[in-house]
């Protein structure tokens, strides 16, 4: 039997491998997330443009599920660390919780000066909670372009806060 025939035999229809994929995913993540990861794996493979996507072997889908589980873990860890970091900053400086109308006006003016890509990256990833990959797909740019644009926008806005602190060092809220 040739190599091609043996590979074709190991491929099973998507419906028959669903339970095996869910069981595999449950070993990586909790039960609720496992089903979501399997569904996301189907979507990713089908949207990948492969004409043979329906006949791919179970092992191929397991790799996709595993990579999605790693991405999920990384995102949760990153989000958790960012939340802890932000919480620590707020606990150190409670005056940042209440900003004055002048500060808000300054911030609005600065946000109006952001480039279109910076604005989109910031809104999609921070406000709408999209992943960098999702935002890149929606904006039809690379993931690194979204990351860089968002970071530049955040830095630009931080400069507003720092300038405000310099003009009124005792309090951000004026």
C-alpha atoms as a PDB file:
ATOM      1  CA  UNK A   1       0.000   0.000   0.000  1.00  0.00           C
ATOM      2  CA  UNK A   2       1.419   3.389  -0.919  1.00  0.00           C
ATOM      3  CA  UNK A   3       2.009   6.224   1.502  1.00  0.00           C
ATOM      4  CA  UNK A   4      -0.852   8.249  -0.020  1.00  0.00           C
ATOM      5  CA  UNK A   5      -3.399   5.483   0.425  1.00  0.00           C
ATOM      6  CA  UNK A   6      -2.446   4.957   4.068  1.00  0.00           C
ATOM      7  CA  UNK A   7      -2.838   8.675   4.772  1.00  0.00           C
ATOM      8  CA  UNK A   8      -6.207   8.753   3.040  1.00  0.00           C
ATOM      9  CA  UNK A   9      -7.389   5.800   5.122  1.00  0.00           C
ATOM     10  CA  UNK A  10      -6.473   7.556   8.386  1.00  0.00           C
ATOM     11  CA  UNK A  11      -8.621  10.519   7.418  1.00  0.00           C
ATOM     12  CA  UNK A  12     -12.122  10.321   8.834  1.00  0.00           C
ATOM     13  CA  UNK A  13     -15.144  12.519   8.189  1.00  0.00           C
ATOM     14  CA  UNK A  14     -15.351  15.505  10.518  1.00  0.00           C
ATOM     15  CA  UNK A  15     -18.475  14.232  12.259  1.00  0.00           C
ATOM     16  CA  UNK A  16     -16.858  10.994  13.343  1.00  0.00           C
ATOM     17  CA  UNK A  17     -13.813  12.671  14.830  1.00  0.00           C
ATOM     18  CA  UNK A  18     -15.713  15.326  16.794  1.00  0.00           C
ATOM     19  CA  UNK A  19     -15.965  13.318  20.017  1.00  0.00           C
ATOM     20  CA  UNK A  20     -12.297  12.323  19.802  1.00  0.00           C
ATOM     21  CA  UNK A  21     -11.286  15.965  19.352  1.00  0.00           C
ATOM     22  CA  UNK A  22     -13.443  17.102  22.268  1.00  0.00           C
ATOM     23  CA  UNK A  23     -11.944  14.388  24.483  1.00  0.00           C
ATOM     24  CA  UNK A  24      -8.462  15.495  23.416  1.00  0.00           C
ATOM     25  CA  UNK A  25      -9.300  19.156  24.085  1.00  0.00           C
ATOM     26  CA  UNK A  26     -10.668  18.311  27.549  1.00  0.00           C
ATOM     27  CA  UNK A  27      -7.233  17.026  28.492  1.00  0.00           C
ATOM     28  CA  UNK A  28      -5.863  20.490  27.665  1.00  0.00           C
ATOM     29  CA  UNK A  29      -8.567  22.835  28.968  1.00  0.00           C
ATOM     30  CA  UNK A  30     -11.802  22.766  30.962  1.00  0.00           C
ATOM     31  CA  UNK A  31     -14.895  21.075  29.497  1.00  0.00           C
ATOM     32  CA  UNK A  32     -16.655  24.312  28.491  1.00  0.00           C
ATOM     33  CA  UNK A  33     -13.645  25.678  26.655  1.00  0.00           C
ATOM     34  CA  UNK A  34     -12.907  22.326  24.993  1.00  0.00           C
ATOM     35  CA  UNK A  35     -16.011  22.428  22.824  1.00  0.00           C
ATOM     36  CA  UNK A  36     -15.258  26.029  21.829  1.00  0.00           C
ATOM     37  CA  UNK A  37     -11.701  25.124  20.863  1.00  0.00           C
ATOM     38  CA  UNK A  38     -12.880  22.254  18.663  1.00  0.00           C
ATOM     39  CA  UNK A  39     -15.397  24.506  16.929  1.00  0.00           C
ATOM     40  CA  UNK A  40     -12.720  27.167  16.427  1.00  0.00           C
ATOM     41  CA  UNK A  41     -10.394  24.516  14.984  1.00  0.00           C
ATOM     42  CA  UNK A  42     -13.059  23.526  12.439  1.00  0.00           C
ATOM     43  CA  UNK A  43     -13.559  27.164  11.474  1.00  0.00           C
ATOM     44  CA  UNK A  44      -9.842  27.841  11.138  1.00  0.00           C
ATOM     45  CA  UNK A  45      -9.220  24.786   8.976  1.00  0.00           C
ATOM     46  CA  UNK A  46     -12.262  25.386   6.776  1.00  0.00           C
ATOM     47  CA  UNK A  47     -11.420  29.071   6.315  1.00  0.00           C
ATOM     48  CA  UNK A  48      -7.835  28.124   5.521  1.00  0.00           C
ATOM     49  CA  UNK A  49      -8.812  27.497   1.919  1.00  0.00           C
ATOM     50  CA  UNK A  50      -7.674  23.890   1.762  1.00  0.00           C
ATOM     51  CA  UNK A  51      -9.751  21.914  -0.706  1.00  0.00           C
ATOM     52  CA  UNK A  52      -9.045  18.703   1.227  1.00  0.00           C
ATOM     53  CA  UNK A  53     -10.064  20.162   4.618  1.00  0.00           C
ATOM     54  CA  UNK A  54     -12.917  17.704   5.049  1.00  0.00           C
ATOM     55  CA  UNK A  55     -10.607  14.690   4.656  1.00  0.00           C
ATOM     56  CA  UNK A  56      -7.702  15.820   6.824  1.00  0.00           C
ATOM     57  CA  UNK A  57      -6.565  13.283   9.441  1.00  0.00           C
ATOM     58  CA  UNK A  58      -7.487  13.526  13.097  1.00  0.00           C
ATOM     59  CA  UNK A  59      -3.869  14.278  13.983  1.00  0.00           C
ATOM     60  CA  UNK A  60      -4.002  17.475  11.905  1.00  0.00           C
ATOM     61  CA  UNK A  61      -7.043  18.720  13.830  1.00  0.00           C
ATOM     62  CA  UNK A  62      -5.382  17.770  17.127  1.00  0.00           C
ATOM     63  CA  UNK A  63      -2.451  20.043  16.289  1.00  0.00           C
ATOM     64  CA  UNK A  64      -4.839  22.893  15.531  1.00  0.00           C
ATOM     65  CA  UNK A  65      -6.743  22.309  18.801  1.00  0.00           C
ATOM     66  CA  UNK A  66      -3.493  22.138  20.761  1.00  0.00           C
ATOM     67  CA  UNK A  67      -2.275  25.421  19.249  1.00  0.00           C
ATOM     68  CA  UNK A  68      -5.593  27.087  20.035  1.00  0.00           C
ATOM     69  CA  UNK A  69      -5.358  25.840  23.628  1.00  0.00           C
ATOM     70  CA  UNK A  70      -1.884  27.350  23.912  1.00  0.00           C
ATOM     71  CA  UNK A  71      -3.159  30.655  22.490  1.00  0.00           C
ATOM     72  CA  UNK A  72      -6.081  30.578  24.918  1.00  0.00           C
ATOM     73  CA  UNK A  73      -3.773  29.987  27.875  1.00  0.00           C
ATOM     74  CA  UNK A  74      -1.374  32.717  26.755  1.00  0.00           C
ATOM     75  CA  UNK A  75      -4.191  35.217  26.314  1.00  0.00           C
ATOM     76  CA  UNK A  76      -5.664  34.466  29.740  1.00  0.00           C
ATOM     77  CA  UNK A  77      -2.247  34.704  31.387  1.00  0.00           C
ATOM     78  CA  UNK A  78      -1.454  37.971  29.618  1.00  0.00           C
ATOM     79  CA  UNK A  79      -4.859  39.463  30.441  1.00  0.00           C
ATOM     80  CA  UNK A  80      -4.578  38.369  34.064  1.00  0.00           C
ATOM     81  CA  UNK A  81      -1.094  39.856  34.401  1.00  0.00           C
ATOM     82  CA  UNK A  82      -2.232  43.122  32.805  1.00  0.00           C
ATOM     83  CA  UNK A  83      -5.214  43.315  35.157  1.00  0.00           C
ATOM     84  CA  UNK A  84      -2.986  42.714  38.180  1.00  0.00           C
ATOM     85  CA  UNK A  85      -0.543  45.359  36.975  1.00  0.00           C
ATOM     86  CA  UNK A  86      -3.348  47.882  36.426  1.00  0.00           C
ATOM     87  CA  UNK A  87      -4.858  47.058  39.822  1.00  0.00           C
ATOM     88  CA  UNK A  88      -1.492  47.654  41.473  1.00  0.00           C
ATOM     89  CA  UNK A  89      -1.165  51.049  39.775  1.00  0.00           C
ATOM     90  CA  UNK A  90      -4.635  52.092  40.875  1.00  0.00           C
ATOM     91  CA  UNK A  91      -3.987  51.004  44.466  1.00  0.00           C
ATOM     92  CA  UNK A  92      -0.815  53.097  44.576  1.00  0.00           C
ATOM     93  CA  UNK A  93      -2.417  56.230  43.123  1.00  0.00           C
ATOM     94  CA  UNK A  94      -6.162  56.450  43.851  1.00  0.00           C
ATOM     95  CA  UNK A  95      -6.343  59.996  42.474  1.00  0.00           C
ATOM     96  CA  UNK A  96      -6.230  58.500  38.954  1.00  0.00           C
ATOM     97  CA  UNK A  97      -9.745  57.163  39.504  1.00  0.00           C
ATOM     98  CA  UNK A  98     -11.321  60.611  39.314  1.00  0.00           C
ATOM     99  CA  UNK A  99     -10.189  62.805  36.465  1.00  0.00           C
ATOM    100  CA  UNK A 100     -11.191  66.390  35.945  1.00  0.00           C
ATOM    101  CA  UNK A 101     -13.082  67.724  32.941  1.00  0.00           C
ATOM    102  CA  UNK A 102      -9.841  69.352  31.784  1.00  0.00           C
ATOM    103  CA  UNK A 103      -8.024  66.012  31.855  1.00  0.00           C
ATOM    104  CA  UNK A 104     -10.833  64.367  29.896  1.00  0.00           C
ATOM    105  CA  UNK A 105     -10.740  67.168  27.322  1.00  0.00           C
ATOM    106  CA  UNK A 106      -6.963  66.778  26.993  1.00  0.00           C
ATOM    107  CA  UNK A 107      -7.358  63.041  26.522  1.00  0.00           C
ATOM    108  CA  UNK A 108     -10.107  63.472  23.906  1.00  0.00           C
ATOM    109  CA  UNK A 109      -7.909  65.922  21.994  1.00  0.00           C
ATOM    110  CA  UNK A 110      -5.011  63.470  22.064  1.00  0.00           C
ATOM    111  CA  UNK A 111      -7.231  60.614  20.899  1.00  0.00           C
ATOM    112  CA  UNK A 112      -8.424  62.739  17.988  1.00  0.00           C
ATOM    113  CA  UNK A 113      -4.772  63.052  16.919  1.00  0.00           C
ATOM    114  CA  UNK A 114      -4.266  59.284  16.656  1.00  0.00           C
ATOM    115  CA  UNK A 115      -3.865  57.832  13.173  1.00  0.00           C
ATOM    116  CA  UNK A 116      -6.721  55.761  11.757  1.00  0.00           C
ATOM    117  CA  UNK A 117      -4.774  52.512  12.230  1.00  0.00           C
ATOM    118  CA  UNK A 118      -3.834  53.428  15.808  1.00  0.00           C
ATOM    119  CA  UNK A 119      -7.455  54.271  16.597  1.00  0.00           C
ATOM    120  CA  UNK A 120      -8.754  51.045  15.048  1.00  0.00           C
ATOM    121  CA  UNK A 121      -6.126  48.897  16.777  1.00  0.00           C
ATOM    122  CA  UNK A 122      -6.840  50.482  20.142  1.00  0.00           C
ATOM    123  CA  UNK A 123     -10.613  50.212  19.841  1.00  0.00           C
ATOM    124  CA  UNK A 124     -10.641  46.647  18.481  1.00  0.00           C
ATOM    125  CA  UNK A 125      -8.177  45.154  20.975  1.00  0.00           C
ATOM    126  CA  UNK A 126      -8.808  47.205  24.116  1.00  0.00           C
ATOM    127  CA  UNK A 127     -12.420  48.358  23.887  1.00  0.00           C
ATOM    128  CA  UNK A 128     -13.978  45.478  21.934  1.00  0.00           C
ATOM    129  CA  UNK A 129     -11.692  42.820  23.451  1.00  0.00           C
ATOM    130  CA  UNK A 130     -10.648  41.287  20.137  1.00  0.00           C
ATOM    131  CA  UNK A 131      -7.429  39.324  19.942  1.00  0.00           C
ATOM    132  CA  UNK A 132      -4.627  40.756  17.839  1.00  0.00           C
ATOM    133  CA  UNK A 133      -5.269  38.050  15.255  1.00  0.00           C
ATOM    134  CA  UNK A 134      -8.979  38.914  15.044  1.00  0.00           C
ATOM    135  CA  UNK A 135      -8.252  42.637  14.808  1.00  0.00           C
ATOM    136  CA  UNK A 136      -5.659  42.033  12.097  1.00  0.00           C
ATOM    137  CA  UNK A 137      -8.144  39.986  10.079  1.00  0.00           C
ATOM    138  CA  UNK A 138     -10.856  42.624  10.484  1.00  0.00           C
ATOM    139  CA  UNK A 139      -8.527  45.475   9.457  1.00  0.00           C
ATOM    140  CA  UNK A 140      -6.814  43.397   6.747  1.00  0.00           C
ATOM    141  CA  UNK A 141      -3.331  44.082   8.142  1.00  0.00           C
ATOM    142  CA  UNK A 142      -0.694  41.953   9.832  1.00  0.00           C
ATOM    143  CA  UNK A 143      -0.879  41.077  13.510  1.00  0.00           C
ATOM    144  CA  UNK A 144       2.368  42.941  14.148  1.00  0.00           C
ATOM    145  CA  UNK A 145       0.862  46.072  12.563  1.00  0.00           C
ATOM    146  CA  UNK A 146      -2.036  45.880  15.017  1.00  0.00           C
ATOM    147  CA  UNK A 147       0.328  45.351  17.954  1.00  0.00           C
ATOM    148  CA  UNK A 148       2.633  48.182  16.961  1.00  0.00           C
ATOM    149  CA  UNK A 149      -0.200  50.600  16.243  1.00  0.00           C
ATOM    150  CA  UNK A 150      -1.892  49.839  19.543  1.00  0.00           C
ATOM    151  CA  UNK A 151       1.331  50.225  21.510  1.00  0.00           C
ATOM    152  CA  UNK A 152       2.119  53.565  19.828  1.00  0.00           C
ATOM    153  CA  UNK A 153      -1.410  54.779  20.566  1.00  0.00           C
ATOM    154  CA  UNK A 154      -1.135  53.777  24.218  1.00  0.00           C
ATOM    155  CA  UNK A 155       2.266  55.456  24.506  1.00  0.00           C
ATOM    156  CA  UNK A 156       0.863  58.594  22.900  1.00  0.00           C
ATOM    157  CA  UNK A 157      -2.004  58.658  25.408  1.00  0.00           C
ATOM    158  CA  UNK A 158       0.342  57.966  28.342  1.00  0.00           C
ATOM    159  CA  UNK A 159       2.299  61.065  27.388  1.00  0.00           C
ATOM    160  CA  UNK A 160      -0.891  63.062  28.008  1.00  0.00           C
ATOM    161  CA  UNK A 161      -1.164  61.621  31.509  1.00  0.00           C
ATOM    162  CA  UNK A 162       2.530  62.275  32.204  1.00  0.00           C
ATOM    163  CA  UNK A 163       2.293  65.861  30.927  1.00  0.00           C
ATOM    164  CA  UNK A 164      -0.726  66.378  33.155  1.00  0.00           C
ATOM    165  CA  UNK A 165       1.163  64.989  36.170  1.00  0.00           C
ATOM    166  CA  UNK A 166       4.049  67.398  35.504  1.00  0.00           C
ATOM    167  CA  UNK A 167       1.744  70.431  35.371  1.00  0.00           C
ATOM    168  CA  UNK A 168      -0.090  69.392  38.551  1.00  0.00           C
ATOM    169  CA  UNK A 169       2.138  66.937  40.449  1.00  0.00           C
ATOM    170  CA  UNK A 170      -0.037  66.719  43.552  1.00  0.00           C
ATOM    171  CA  UNK A 171      -3.038  65.361  41.677  1.00  0.00           C
ATOM    172  CA  UNK A 172      -4.010  64.270  38.194  1.00  0.00           C
ATOM    173  CA  UNK A 173      -7.576  65.409  38.763  1.00  0.00           C
ATOM    174  CA  UNK A 174      -7.567  69.200  38.758  1.00  0.00           C
END
